[in-house]
Amino acid sequence: LTGQVEVEVGTLSKAFGVMGGFVSGPRVLTDFLRQRGRPFIFSSALTPADAAAACAAVDILAADDSLVKRLWANTHQFKAELGRLGLDTGRSQTPITPVMIGDAERAQAFSHRLFGRGVFAQAISFPTVPRGKARVRAMISAVHSSSDLDFALEQFREVGGELGVI
C-alpha cells in the first residue's frame, strides 16, 4: 500500500521494543493532531532514549530481514501447535497470539498458573475485549528458541487440561 495510503498509525511497543506510537500523514493532519488531538495533548513526549531505540530497531530491521523471518516462523509454529492441542487462537494475523478462554475469571486463572510455571501470557478481558471473549495473550518473539516454544506449549497443555479449556 506504499504510496496509496495517506495516513499511517503505528505502535513502537511491539516490533520495535520500546514505547509510544506514531501517526504519519500530510502536514495539515499532523499539525491538527498536535494541536487538537486529546491523546497527544495530554500525554508525554517520547523520551530521547525511546526515540533512539526505535530508530536503531528500524536500522536493524532494514539491514537484515532474518529476525522478521524468525519471528514469523516462531509465530506459525506456536499457533499451529496450540491448535493441535485443541486451543483456539482466534484469527490473529500478528505474532501476538491469543488463546480464547471466554470466561474472565478462567482467563485470569490460566494466566496466573502459566506465570507460576515460568510463562508470561497476560489475561485480557472486558472492557479491552467484549464480555465473554476473555483470553490470554502470548507475545512470540524472534529470540524464542524451539525449546522455549516447546516449554511454553507444554505449560499451555497442562494448564489447559487443569482448567478444562482443552
N, C-alpha and C. Protein backbone atom coordinates (compact mmCIF):
# COMPACT_ATOMS: atom_id res chain seq x y z
N LEU A 1 0.80 -1.20 0.00
CA LEU A 1 0.00 0.00 0.00
C LEU A 1 0.84 1.27 0.00
N THR A 2 2.15 1.10 -0.12
CA THR A 2 3.02 2.27 -0.14
C THR A 2 2.61 3.20 -1.28
N GLY A 3 2.45 4.46 -0.95
CA GLY A 3 2.04 5.44 -1.93
C GLY A 3 0.54 5.52 -2.14
N GLN A 4 -0.23 4.60 -1.56
CA GLN A 4 -1.67 4.58 -1.73
C GLN A 4 -2.41 5.03 -0.47
N VAL A 5 -1.74 5.04 0.65
CA VAL A 5 -2.36 5.39 1.93
C VAL A 5 -1.78 6.71 2.41
N GLU A 6 -2.66 7.65 2.76
CA GLU A 6 -2.19 8.97 3.19
C GLU A 6 -1.86 9.04 4.67
N VAL A 7 -2.48 8.18 5.47
CA VAL A 7 -2.28 8.24 6.92
C VAL A 7 -1.85 6.86 7.40
N GLU A 8 -0.82 6.84 8.21
CA GLU A 8 -0.38 5.58 8.81
C GLU A 8 -0.23 5.79 10.31
N VAL A 9 -0.79 4.85 11.07
CA VAL A 9 -0.73 4.87 12.52
C VAL A 9 -0.04 3.60 12.96
N GLY A 10 0.88 3.70 13.91
CA GLY A 10 1.57 2.51 14.37
C GLY A 10 2.01 2.61 15.81
N THR A 11 2.41 1.48 16.33
CA THR A 11 2.92 1.40 17.69
C THR A 11 4.41 1.11 17.65
N LEU A 12 5.10 1.58 18.64
CA LEU A 12 6.52 1.27 18.79
C LEU A 12 6.74 0.22 19.88
N SER A 13 5.65 -0.22 20.49
CA SER A 13 5.78 -1.09 21.67
C SER A 13 5.82 -2.57 21.34
N LYS A 14 5.63 -2.96 20.13
CA LYS A 14 5.66 -4.39 19.79
C LYS A 14 6.97 -4.70 19.06
N ALA A 15 6.98 -4.57 17.76
CA ALA A 15 8.15 -4.95 16.97
C ALA A 15 9.39 -4.14 17.30
N PHE A 16 9.19 -2.89 17.73
CA PHE A 16 10.34 -2.04 17.99
C PHE A 16 10.84 -2.11 19.43
N GLY A 17 10.07 -2.72 20.29
CA GLY A 17 10.52 -2.98 21.64
C GLY A 17 10.67 -1.77 22.54
N VAL A 18 10.02 -0.68 22.22
CA VAL A 18 10.08 0.50 23.09
C VAL A 18 8.66 0.88 23.47
N MET A 19 8.39 2.14 23.67
CA MET A 19 7.04 2.56 24.00
C MET A 19 6.65 3.72 23.10
N GLY A 20 5.35 3.97 23.03
CA GLY A 20 4.87 5.08 22.21
C GLY A 20 4.33 4.61 20.89
N GLY A 21 4.01 5.57 20.05
CA GLY A 21 3.46 5.26 18.75
C GLY A 21 3.65 6.45 17.83
N PHE A 22 3.05 6.35 16.66
CA PHE A 22 3.22 7.42 15.69
C PHE A 22 2.01 7.52 14.78
N VAL A 23 1.85 8.71 14.23
CA VAL A 23 0.90 8.97 13.15
C VAL A 23 1.69 9.71 12.09
N SER A 24 1.66 9.21 10.87
CA SER A 24 2.31 9.93 9.78
C SER A 24 1.27 10.23 8.72
N GLY A 25 1.44 11.34 8.06
CA GLY A 25 0.50 11.75 7.04
C GLY A 25 0.79 13.15 6.57
N PRO A 26 -0.16 13.74 5.86
CA PRO A 26 0.04 15.11 5.38
C PRO A 26 0.27 16.08 6.53
N ARG A 27 1.07 17.07 6.27
CA ARG A 27 1.43 18.05 7.31
C ARG A 27 0.20 18.68 7.96
N VAL A 28 -0.83 18.99 7.18
CA VAL A 28 -2.03 19.61 7.74
C VAL A 28 -2.66 18.68 8.79
N LEU A 29 -2.63 17.38 8.55
CA LEU A 29 -3.18 16.42 9.51
C LEU A 29 -2.32 16.35 10.77
N THR A 30 -1.01 16.19 10.60
CA THR A 30 -0.16 16.06 11.79
C THR A 30 -0.15 17.34 12.62
N ASP A 31 -0.20 18.49 11.96
CA ASP A 31 -0.31 19.75 12.71
C ASP A 31 -1.62 19.80 13.49
N PHE A 32 -2.71 19.40 12.85
CA PHE A 32 -4.02 19.39 13.52
C PHE A 32 -3.98 18.46 14.74
N LEU A 33 -3.43 17.26 14.58
CA LEU A 33 -3.38 16.31 15.70
C LEU A 33 -2.53 16.85 16.84
N ARG A 34 -1.43 17.50 16.52
CA ARG A 34 -0.59 18.08 17.58
C ARG A 34 -1.34 19.14 18.37
N GLN A 35 -2.18 19.90 17.71
CA GLN A 35 -2.90 21.00 18.37
C GLN A 35 -4.23 20.57 18.98
N ARG A 36 -4.89 19.58 18.42
CA ARG A 36 -6.26 19.25 18.83
C ARG A 36 -6.46 17.82 19.31
N GLY A 37 -5.51 16.95 19.07
CA GLY A 37 -5.67 15.54 19.44
C GLY A 37 -5.51 15.35 20.94
N ARG A 38 -6.61 15.05 21.63
CA ARG A 38 -6.57 14.92 23.09
C ARG A 38 -5.53 13.91 23.57
N PRO A 39 -5.43 12.73 22.96
CA PRO A 39 -4.40 11.81 23.45
C PRO A 39 -2.99 12.38 23.33
N PHE A 40 -2.75 13.18 22.30
CA PHE A 40 -1.43 13.77 22.13
C PHE A 40 -1.21 14.92 23.11
N ILE A 41 -2.22 15.75 23.26
CA ILE A 41 -2.11 16.92 24.14
C ILE A 41 -1.88 16.50 25.59
N PHE A 42 -2.55 15.44 26.03
CA PHE A 42 -2.49 15.04 27.44
C PHE A 42 -1.54 13.89 27.71
N SER A 43 -0.56 13.69 26.84
CA SER A 43 0.42 12.64 27.09
C SER A 43 1.82 13.23 27.03
N SER A 44 2.76 12.46 27.50
CA SER A 44 4.16 12.89 27.50
C SER A 44 4.80 12.57 26.16
N ALA A 45 5.78 13.34 25.82
CA ALA A 45 6.53 13.10 24.58
C ALA A 45 7.36 11.83 24.72
N LEU A 46 7.67 11.24 23.61
CA LEU A 46 8.57 10.10 23.57
C LEU A 46 9.92 10.54 24.13
N THR A 47 10.51 9.72 24.98
CA THR A 47 11.82 10.07 25.54
C THR A 47 12.89 9.97 24.46
N PRO A 48 13.98 10.70 24.59
CA PRO A 48 15.07 10.58 23.62
C PRO A 48 15.59 9.14 23.52
N ALA A 49 15.66 8.45 24.65
CA ALA A 49 16.14 7.06 24.63
C ALA A 49 15.20 6.16 23.83
N ASP A 50 13.89 6.33 24.01
CA ASP A 50 12.94 5.52 23.25
C ASP A 50 12.99 5.86 21.76
N ALA A 51 13.12 7.14 21.44
CA ALA A 51 13.23 7.54 20.04
C ALA A 51 14.48 6.93 19.41
N ALA A 52 15.60 6.98 20.12
CA ALA A 52 16.85 6.41 19.61
C ALA A 52 16.74 4.90 19.45
N ALA A 53 16.11 4.24 20.42
CA ALA A 53 15.94 2.78 20.34
C ALA A 53 15.05 2.41 19.16
N ALA A 54 13.98 3.17 18.92
CA ALA A 54 13.11 2.90 17.78
C ALA A 54 13.86 3.09 16.47
N CYS A 55 14.65 4.14 16.38
CA CYS A 55 15.45 4.37 15.17
C CYS A 55 16.46 3.24 14.95
N ALA A 56 17.10 2.79 16.02
CA ALA A 56 18.05 1.68 15.92
C ALA A 56 17.35 0.41 15.48
N ALA A 57 16.15 0.16 16.00
CA ALA A 57 15.39 -1.03 15.60
C ALA A 57 15.05 -0.98 14.11
N VAL A 58 14.65 0.18 13.62
CA VAL A 58 14.36 0.34 12.19
C VAL A 58 15.62 0.06 11.37
N ASP A 59 16.75 0.58 11.79
CA ASP A 59 18.01 0.35 11.07
C ASP A 59 18.35 -1.14 11.02
N ILE A 60 18.19 -1.82 12.14
CA ILE A 60 18.49 -3.26 12.21
C ILE A 60 17.57 -4.04 11.29
N LEU A 61 16.27 -3.76 11.36
CA LEU A 61 15.30 -4.49 10.54
C LEU A 61 15.47 -4.19 9.05
N ALA A 62 15.86 -2.96 8.72
CA ALA A 62 16.07 -2.60 7.32
C ALA A 62 17.32 -3.27 6.74
N ALA A 63 18.31 -3.52 7.58
CA ALA A 63 19.57 -4.09 7.12
C ALA A 63 19.52 -5.60 6.95
N ASP A 64 18.63 -6.27 7.70
CA ASP A 64 18.63 -7.73 7.70
C ASP A 64 17.24 -8.23 8.09
N ASP A 65 16.62 -8.98 7.21
CA ASP A 65 15.26 -9.46 7.49
C ASP A 65 15.23 -10.82 8.20
N SER A 66 16.37 -11.32 8.63
CA SER A 66 16.38 -12.65 9.27
C SER A 66 15.59 -12.67 10.58
N LEU A 67 15.61 -11.57 11.33
CA LEU A 67 14.83 -11.53 12.57
C LEU A 67 13.34 -11.58 12.29
N VAL A 68 12.91 -10.88 11.26
CA VAL A 68 11.49 -10.89 10.89
C VAL A 68 11.09 -12.30 10.45
N LYS A 69 11.92 -12.94 9.64
CA LYS A 69 11.62 -14.31 9.19
C LYS A 69 11.55 -15.26 10.38
N ARG A 70 12.48 -15.11 11.31
CA ARG A 70 12.49 -15.97 12.50
C ARG A 70 11.24 -15.72 13.36
N LEU A 71 10.85 -14.46 13.50
CA LEU A 71 9.64 -14.12 14.25
C LEU A 71 8.43 -14.83 13.66
N TRP A 72 8.27 -14.76 12.35
CA TRP A 72 7.10 -15.39 11.72
C TRP A 72 7.18 -16.91 11.78
N ALA A 73 8.36 -17.48 11.65
CA ALA A 73 8.50 -18.94 11.78
C ALA A 73 8.09 -19.37 13.19
N ASN A 74 8.57 -18.66 14.20
CA ASN A 74 8.19 -18.96 15.58
C ASN A 74 6.69 -18.81 15.79
N THR A 75 6.13 -17.74 15.25
CA THR A 75 4.70 -17.48 15.41
C THR A 75 3.87 -18.59 14.79
N HIS A 76 4.19 -18.96 13.55
CA HIS A 76 3.42 -20.01 12.86
C HIS A 76 3.54 -21.35 13.60
N GLN A 77 4.75 -21.67 14.06
CA GLN A 77 4.95 -22.92 14.81
C GLN A 77 4.12 -22.91 16.09
N PHE A 78 4.18 -21.83 16.84
CA PHE A 78 3.48 -21.74 18.12
C PHE A 78 1.97 -21.84 17.93
N LYS A 79 1.43 -21.09 16.98
CA LYS A 79 -0.01 -21.11 16.74
C LYS A 79 -0.47 -22.48 16.26
N ALA A 80 0.29 -23.09 15.37
CA ALA A 80 -0.08 -24.42 14.87
C ALA A 80 -0.11 -25.44 16.00
N GLU A 81 0.89 -25.40 16.86
CA GLU A 81 0.94 -26.36 17.96
C GLU A 81 -0.17 -26.11 18.98
N LEU A 82 -0.49 -24.85 19.25
CA LEU A 82 -1.62 -24.56 20.14
C LEU A 82 -2.90 -25.14 19.55
N GLY A 83 -3.07 -24.99 18.24
CA GLY A 83 -4.24 -25.56 17.57
C GLY A 83 -4.28 -27.06 17.69
N ARG A 84 -3.14 -27.73 17.54
CA ARG A 84 -3.09 -29.19 17.69
C ARG A 84 -3.46 -29.62 19.12
N LEU A 85 -3.17 -28.75 20.08
CA LEU A 85 -3.55 -29.05 21.46
C LEU A 85 -5.05 -28.89 21.68
N GLY A 86 -5.73 -28.26 20.74
CA GLY A 86 -7.16 -28.01 20.89
C GLY A 86 -7.49 -26.63 21.41
N LEU A 87 -6.51 -25.74 21.41
CA LEU A 87 -6.74 -24.37 21.87
C LEU A 87 -7.08 -23.47 20.69
N ASP A 88 -8.00 -22.56 20.91
CA ASP A 88 -8.47 -21.64 19.88
C ASP A 88 -7.63 -20.37 19.93
N THR A 89 -6.91 -20.08 18.85
CA THR A 89 -6.09 -18.87 18.79
C THR A 89 -6.78 -17.75 18.01
N GLY A 90 -8.04 -17.88 17.78
CA GLY A 90 -8.78 -16.82 17.10
C GLY A 90 -8.27 -16.60 15.70
N ARG A 91 -8.37 -15.37 15.24
CA ARG A 91 -7.98 -15.04 13.87
C ARG A 91 -6.84 -14.03 13.83
N SER A 92 -6.02 -14.01 14.85
CA SER A 92 -4.91 -13.06 14.90
C SER A 92 -3.98 -13.29 13.71
N GLN A 93 -3.57 -12.22 13.09
CA GLN A 93 -2.61 -12.29 11.99
C GLN A 93 -1.30 -11.61 12.37
N THR A 94 -1.03 -11.59 13.67
CA THR A 94 0.18 -10.97 14.19
C THR A 94 0.89 -11.96 15.12
N PRO A 95 2.12 -11.68 15.51
CA PRO A 95 2.79 -12.53 16.47
C PRO A 95 2.16 -12.51 17.87
N ILE A 96 1.30 -11.54 18.13
CA ILE A 96 0.57 -11.53 19.40
C ILE A 96 -0.46 -12.64 19.30
N THR A 97 -0.30 -13.67 20.12
CA THR A 97 -1.10 -14.89 19.98
C THR A 97 -2.11 -15.01 21.11
N PRO A 98 -3.40 -14.82 20.78
CA PRO A 98 -4.42 -15.00 21.81
C PRO A 98 -4.79 -16.48 21.95
N VAL A 99 -5.14 -16.86 23.14
CA VAL A 99 -5.77 -18.16 23.38
C VAL A 99 -7.12 -17.84 23.98
N MET A 100 -8.16 -18.12 23.21
CA MET A 100 -9.51 -17.75 23.58
C MET A 100 -9.99 -18.63 24.74
N ILE A 101 -10.39 -17.99 25.83
CA ILE A 101 -10.86 -18.71 27.01
C ILE A 101 -12.35 -18.47 27.22
N GLY A 102 -12.80 -17.26 27.03
CA GLY A 102 -14.22 -16.92 27.21
C GLY A 102 -14.47 -16.25 28.55
N ASP A 103 -14.47 -17.03 29.60
CA ASP A 103 -14.75 -16.53 30.95
C ASP A 103 -13.55 -15.76 31.50
N ALA A 104 -13.81 -14.56 32.02
CA ALA A 104 -12.74 -13.69 32.51
C ALA A 104 -11.99 -14.30 33.69
N GLU A 105 -12.72 -14.90 34.63
CA GLU A 105 -12.05 -15.49 35.80
C GLU A 105 -11.18 -16.67 35.39
N ARG A 106 -11.66 -17.47 34.46
CA ARG A 106 -10.86 -18.60 33.99
C ARG A 106 -9.62 -18.11 33.24
N ALA A 107 -9.77 -17.05 32.45
CA ALA A 107 -8.62 -16.49 31.74
C ALA A 107 -7.57 -15.98 32.73
N GLN A 108 -8.04 -15.32 33.80
CA GLN A 108 -7.12 -14.83 34.82
C GLN A 108 -6.41 -15.99 35.52
N ALA A 109 -7.16 -17.04 35.83
CA ALA A 109 -6.56 -18.22 36.45
C ALA A 109 -5.55 -18.88 35.52
N PHE A 110 -5.89 -18.95 34.24
CA PHE A 110 -4.99 -19.53 33.24
C PHE A 110 -3.67 -18.75 33.22
N SER A 111 -3.78 -17.43 33.14
CA SER A 111 -2.60 -16.57 33.12
C SER A 111 -1.77 -16.75 34.39
N HIS A 112 -2.44 -16.76 35.53
CA HIS A 112 -1.75 -16.89 36.82
C HIS A 112 -1.00 -18.22 36.90
N ARG A 113 -1.65 -19.30 36.47
CA ARG A 113 -0.99 -20.61 36.53
C ARG A 113 0.19 -20.68 35.57
N LEU A 114 0.03 -20.13 34.38
CA LEU A 114 1.15 -20.10 33.45
C LEU A 114 2.33 -19.35 34.05
N PHE A 115 2.05 -18.20 34.67
CA PHE A 115 3.11 -17.39 35.27
C PHE A 115 3.84 -18.19 36.35
N GLY A 116 3.10 -18.95 37.14
CA GLY A 116 3.71 -19.78 38.17
C GLY A 116 4.60 -20.87 37.60
N ARG A 117 4.42 -21.17 36.33
CA ARG A 117 5.22 -22.19 35.65
C ARG A 117 6.29 -21.58 34.74
N GLY A 118 6.45 -20.26 34.82
CA GLY A 118 7.51 -19.62 34.05
C GLY A 118 7.12 -19.12 32.67
N VAL A 119 5.82 -18.98 32.41
CA VAL A 119 5.35 -18.49 31.11
C VAL A 119 4.50 -17.25 31.35
N PHE A 120 4.85 -16.15 30.70
CA PHE A 120 4.08 -14.92 30.84
C PHE A 120 3.13 -14.78 29.66
N ALA A 121 1.84 -14.91 29.92
CA ALA A 121 0.79 -14.71 28.93
C ALA A 121 -0.33 -13.99 29.67
N GLN A 122 -0.48 -12.73 29.38
CA GLN A 122 -1.38 -11.88 30.15
C GLN A 122 -2.84 -12.14 29.81
N ALA A 123 -3.70 -12.12 30.85
CA ALA A 123 -5.15 -12.24 30.65
C ALA A 123 -5.70 -10.91 30.15
N ILE A 124 -6.60 -10.98 29.19
CA ILE A 124 -7.26 -9.80 28.64
C ILE A 124 -8.76 -10.04 28.74
N SER A 125 -9.48 -9.10 29.34
CA SER A 125 -10.93 -9.27 29.47
C SER A 125 -11.62 -7.91 29.29
N PHE A 126 -12.94 -7.89 29.50
CA PHE A 126 -13.73 -6.67 29.36
C PHE A 126 -13.16 -5.59 30.27
N PRO A 127 -13.01 -4.37 29.84
CA PRO A 127 -13.55 -3.76 28.61
C PRO A 127 -12.59 -3.79 27.42
N THR A 128 -11.43 -4.41 27.55
CA THR A 128 -10.49 -4.48 26.44
C THR A 128 -11.05 -5.31 25.29
N VAL A 129 -11.74 -6.39 25.64
CA VAL A 129 -12.43 -7.24 24.67
C VAL A 129 -13.88 -7.37 25.14
N PRO A 130 -14.81 -7.79 24.27
CA PRO A 130 -16.20 -7.93 24.69
C PRO A 130 -16.37 -8.93 25.83
N ARG A 131 -17.42 -8.76 26.61
CA ARG A 131 -17.74 -9.73 27.67
C ARG A 131 -17.87 -11.11 27.06
N GLY A 132 -17.36 -12.10 27.79
CA GLY A 132 -17.43 -13.47 27.31
C GLY A 132 -16.38 -13.83 26.27
N LYS A 133 -15.48 -12.90 25.97
CA LYS A 133 -14.43 -13.14 24.98
C LYS A 133 -13.04 -13.00 25.60
N ALA A 134 -12.92 -13.28 26.89
CA ALA A 134 -11.62 -13.16 27.57
C ALA A 134 -10.62 -14.13 26.96
N ARG A 135 -9.38 -13.79 27.10
CA ARG A 135 -8.32 -14.60 26.51
C ARG A 135 -7.03 -14.38 27.27
N VAL A 136 -6.07 -15.23 27.02
CA VAL A 136 -4.70 -14.96 27.44
C VAL A 136 -3.92 -14.66 26.17
N ARG A 137 -2.94 -13.82 26.30
CA ARG A 137 -2.22 -13.34 25.13
C ARG A 137 -0.73 -13.58 25.31
N ALA A 138 -0.17 -14.38 24.41
CA ALA A 138 1.27 -14.66 24.41
C ALA A 138 1.94 -13.78 23.36
N MET A 139 3.11 -13.31 23.68
CA MET A 139 3.87 -12.46 22.76
C MET A 139 5.08 -13.26 22.27
N ILE A 140 5.00 -13.74 21.06
CA ILE A 140 6.09 -14.52 20.49
C ILE A 140 7.15 -13.56 19.94
N SER A 141 8.41 -13.95 20.07
CA SER A 141 9.48 -13.09 19.55
C SER A 141 10.47 -13.90 18.72
N ALA A 142 11.34 -13.18 18.04
CA ALA A 142 12.36 -13.82 17.22
C ALA A 142 13.43 -14.49 18.06
N VAL A 143 13.57 -14.10 19.30
CA VAL A 143 14.63 -14.69 20.13
C VAL A 143 14.18 -15.92 20.90
N HIS A 144 12.91 -16.28 20.81
CA HIS A 144 12.48 -17.54 21.42
C HIS A 144 13.10 -18.70 20.64
N SER A 145 13.68 -19.63 21.37
CA SER A 145 14.24 -20.83 20.74
C SER A 145 13.14 -21.87 20.60
N SER A 146 13.40 -22.92 19.83
CA SER A 146 12.44 -24.02 19.72
C SER A 146 12.16 -24.63 21.08
N SER A 147 13.19 -24.73 21.92
CA SER A 147 12.96 -25.30 23.25
C SER A 147 12.13 -24.36 24.11
N ASP A 148 12.28 -23.04 23.94
CA ASP A 148 11.42 -22.09 24.66
C ASP A 148 9.96 -22.31 24.27
N LEU A 149 9.72 -22.43 22.97
CA LEU A 149 8.35 -22.62 22.49
C LEU A 149 7.79 -23.95 22.97
N ASP A 150 8.61 -25.01 22.91
CA ASP A 150 8.16 -26.32 23.39
C ASP A 150 7.80 -26.27 24.88
N PHE A 151 8.63 -25.59 25.66
CA PHE A 151 8.36 -25.44 27.09
C PHE A 151 7.03 -24.73 27.31
N ALA A 152 6.84 -23.61 26.62
CA ALA A 152 5.60 -22.85 26.77
C ALA A 152 4.40 -23.68 26.35
N LEU A 153 4.51 -24.41 25.25
CA LEU A 153 3.41 -25.24 24.77
C LEU A 153 3.04 -26.32 25.79
N GLU A 154 4.04 -26.90 26.42
CA GLU A 154 3.76 -27.91 27.45
C GLU A 154 3.00 -27.29 28.62
N GLN A 155 3.36 -26.08 28.99
CA GLN A 155 2.66 -25.41 30.09
C GLN A 155 1.22 -25.08 29.68
N PHE A 156 1.02 -24.62 28.47
CA PHE A 156 -0.34 -24.37 27.97
C PHE A 156 -1.16 -25.66 27.99
N ARG A 157 -0.54 -26.77 27.57
CA ARG A 157 -1.25 -28.06 27.56
C ARG A 157 -1.67 -28.45 28.97
N GLU A 158 -0.74 -28.36 29.91
CA GLU A 158 -1.04 -28.77 31.28
C GLU A 158 -2.09 -27.86 31.93
N VAL A 159 -1.92 -26.56 31.81
CA VAL A 159 -2.87 -25.63 32.42
C VAL A 159 -4.23 -25.73 31.73
N GLY A 160 -4.23 -25.87 30.41
CA GLY A 160 -5.49 -26.04 29.69
C GLY A 160 -6.25 -27.26 30.15
N GLY A 161 -5.53 -28.34 30.41
CA GLY A 161 -6.17 -29.55 30.93
C GLY A 161 -6.69 -29.36 32.35
N GLU A 162 -5.89 -28.73 33.19
CA GLU A 162 -6.30 -28.50 34.58
C GLU A 162 -7.56 -27.64 34.68
N LEU A 163 -7.69 -26.66 33.80
CA LEU A 163 -8.82 -25.73 33.87
C LEU A 163 -9.97 -26.11 32.95
N GLY A 164 -9.84 -27.25 32.27
CA GLY A 164 -10.92 -27.71 31.41
C GLY A 164 -11.08 -26.90 30.13
N VAL A 165 -10.02 -26.26 29.71
CA VAL A 165 -10.07 -25.49 28.46
C VAL A 165 -9.77 -26.41 27.28
N ILE A 166 -8.99 -27.44 27.53
CA ILE A 166 -8.68 -28.44 26.49
C ILE A 166 -9.52 -29.68 26.77
